[in-house]
């Protein structure tokens, strides 16, 4: 597997997570208001690196425009922006925990 880098900044007002080296991850952020799943922005034209696998994370629109990890049409990318080497997540609260889930490259 290729190396990925996660840079996290947590303040009293928000949490910013920069993912570089791949765009094939999902990030789950937990904070005082609960849990939120962030998927990379859809329709990236080019992958960050040559990846031998496709993403198992197919987002879709949920209730009231909230992002849902359960299929469907185009998902919301609120809080997620594309960067030159990956993407940045801006969560509107102090994170108490976060997990990163990466696709499996085994066929």
Protein backbone atom coordinates (compact mmCIF):
# COMPACT_ATOMS: atom_id res chain seq x y z
CA UNK A 1 0.00 0.00 0.00
CA UNK A 2 1.10 3.54 -0.66
CA UNK A 3 1.77 5.84 2.27
CA UNK A 4 -0.86 8.37 3.28
CA UNK A 5 -0.46 11.33 5.61
CA UNK A 6 -3.08 12.66 8.02
CA UNK A 7 -2.55 16.10 9.59
CA UNK A 8 -5.06 17.15 12.25
CA UNK A 9 -5.60 20.50 13.97
CA UNK A 10 -8.15 20.67 16.80
CA UNK A 11 -9.27 23.97 18.35
CA UNK A 12 -12.16 24.95 20.60
CA UNK A 13 -14.20 25.96 17.53
CA UNK A 14 -13.40 23.31 14.89
CA UNK A 15 -11.31 20.38 13.69
CA UNK A 16 -9.37 20.43 10.41
CA UNK A 17 -8.09 17.16 8.95
CA UNK A 18 -5.82 17.14 5.89
CA UNK A 19 -5.53 13.83 4.02
CA UNK A 20 -2.66 13.58 1.51
CA UNK A 21 -1.32 10.73 -0.59
CA UNK A 22 -4.74 9.26 -1.42
CA UNK A 23 -8.34 10.22 -2.03
CA UNK A 24 -9.64 6.76 -1.30
CA UNK A 25 -10.50 7.05 2.39
CA UNK A 26 -13.50 7.82 4.54
CA UNK A 27 -13.11 9.70 7.83
CA UNK A 28 -15.48 9.36 10.78
CA UNK A 29 -15.32 12.28 13.24
CA UNK A 30 -16.86 12.09 16.71
CA UNK A 31 -17.62 15.23 18.71
CA UNK A 32 -20.09 16.54 21.30
CA UNK A 33 -23.00 16.49 18.83
CA UNK A 34 -22.35 12.94 17.66
CA UNK A 35 -20.69 11.26 14.71
CA UNK A 36 -20.27 12.46 11.13
CA UNK A 37 -18.90 10.55 8.15
CA UNK A 38 -16.83 12.49 5.61
CA UNK A 39 -16.17 11.11 2.14
CA UNK A 40 -13.75 12.66 -0.35
CA UNK A 41 -15.27 15.03 -2.93
CA UNK A 42 -16.85 13.12 -5.81
CA UNK A 43 -15.73 13.22 -9.43
CA UNK A 44 -12.01 13.67 -8.91
CA UNK A 45 -10.57 13.70 -12.43
CA UNK A 46 -7.20 12.22 -11.52
CA UNK A 47 -6.15 10.07 -8.53
CA UNK A 48 -3.41 11.43 -6.28
CA UNK A 49 -1.30 8.34 -6.88
CA UNK A 50 -1.64 5.26 -9.06
CA UNK A 51 -3.99 3.17 -6.97
CA UNK A 52 -4.65 -0.50 -7.82
CA UNK A 53 -8.10 -0.46 -6.23
CA UNK A 54 -11.36 1.41 -6.44
CA UNK A 55 -13.11 3.00 -3.49
CA UNK A 56 -15.69 0.96 -1.57
CA UNK A 57 -17.11 4.22 -0.22
CA UNK A 58 -19.99 5.34 -2.42
CA UNK A 59 -21.75 8.28 -0.83
CA UNK A 60 -25.28 9.43 -1.37
CA UNK A 61 -27.68 12.08 -0.20
CA UNK A 62 -29.36 11.42 3.09
CA UNK A 63 -32.07 13.18 5.09
CA UNK A 64 -32.15 16.99 4.72
CA UNK A 65 -29.09 16.94 2.46
CA UNK A 66 -26.89 15.27 5.07
CA UNK A 67 -24.24 12.99 3.66
CA UNK A 68 -24.95 9.28 3.85
CA UNK A 69 -22.55 6.38 3.27
CA UNK A 70 -25.43 4.26 1.93
CA UNK A 71 -25.53 4.58 -1.86
CA UNK A 72 -27.82 6.86 -3.78
CA UNK A 73 -27.18 9.89 -5.93
CA UNK A 74 -24.49 12.50 -5.60
CA UNK A 75 -23.57 13.04 -1.96
CA UNK A 76 -23.00 16.27 -0.13
CA UNK A 77 -19.40 17.41 0.12
CA UNK A 78 -20.14 19.98 2.79
CA UNK A 79 -17.07 20.32 4.98
CA UNK A 80 -14.78 18.64 2.42
CA UNK A 81 -12.65 20.41 -0.20
CA UNK A 82 -10.22 19.04 -2.74
CA UNK A 83 -6.53 19.93 -2.34
CA UNK A 84 -3.63 19.38 -4.73
CA UNK A 85 -2.54 16.19 -2.95
CA UNK A 86 -5.78 14.92 -1.39
CA UNK A 87 -8.57 16.68 0.50
CA UNK A 88 -9.31 18.74 3.62
CA UNK A 89 -12.13 18.16 6.11
CA UNK A 90 -13.39 21.02 8.25
CA UNK A 91 -15.59 19.77 11.11
CA UNK A 92 -17.48 22.57 12.96
CA UNK A 93 -16.64 21.28 16.47
CA UNK A 94 -13.79 20.01 18.59
CA UNK A 95 -13.28 16.36 17.71
CA UNK A 96 -13.01 13.91 20.57
CA UNK A 97 -12.00 11.05 18.24
CA UNK A 98 -11.66 10.26 14.55
CA UNK A 99 -11.09 7.13 12.49
CA UNK A 100 -9.78 6.77 8.95
CA UNK A 101 -11.03 3.91 6.77
CA UNK A 102 -9.09 3.02 3.65
CA UNK A 103 -10.13 0.80 0.76
CA UNK A 104 -8.67 -2.71 0.57
CA UNK A 105 -6.25 -3.22 -2.33
CA UNK A 106 -6.65 -6.99 -2.41
CA UNK A 107 -8.60 -8.42 -5.34
